Every structure is written in C-alpha cells, then in structure tokens.
C-alpha cells in the first residue's frame, strides 16, 4: 500500500529520467526478473529470468506475437500474451533465459 501513496508515487516518478534510452544504452542494458509463488498448501516455486533491455524485449515480443497473428495463430477476444501463447512465449526471444530455482 505504501508504494501506492501519492507522496511515494510522486517521489518515484521524479526519479524517472525523461525520454527513453539511446540505442547504445539499450544495447548494453538487460532485464532481470525474479518471481516466487506459493499455494495454500505451502508449496513454493521460484524462478529468475534475464534477457535484453526492457524496451527491446517488449518490441521483440510484440513482433513475435504479430507474426503469430499474421500466420493465423490466434483466438479472437482479449487475452494476455501468456494466456494466448503460453508461459514459455518469452523464452522464444533471443537472449531470454530462465532458471527455475525451486
């Protein structure tokens, strides 16, 4: 809840530099992700993922999905990318790697 408060949001937004990264910055950058999930029985899974810089991976994912749609591989209606093409979709992008920890 703290991150959703107006003062914290204003502070965080003030730290975002204007514009987007340059091509050189995007080339050097990378995306690091971590996730953990638990169920009601106490089972736990954890994974780490890394890949190209955020703007780049977003563009590559959008292009991959567009290619799938253009080839007729789609179901009409709203769906998240993972719902439409599976949780492994992101791993189709060059440079994206995931490590299942638990």
Foldseek 3Di string as FASTA:
>chain_A
DVCPDPVNVVVVVVPDDPDDDDPVCQQPDKDKDKDKDADPVGDIKIKIKMFGDDVVLVVVLVVVVVVCVVVVQFDDDDDDPCRSPNPCSSVVDPGMDMDIDD
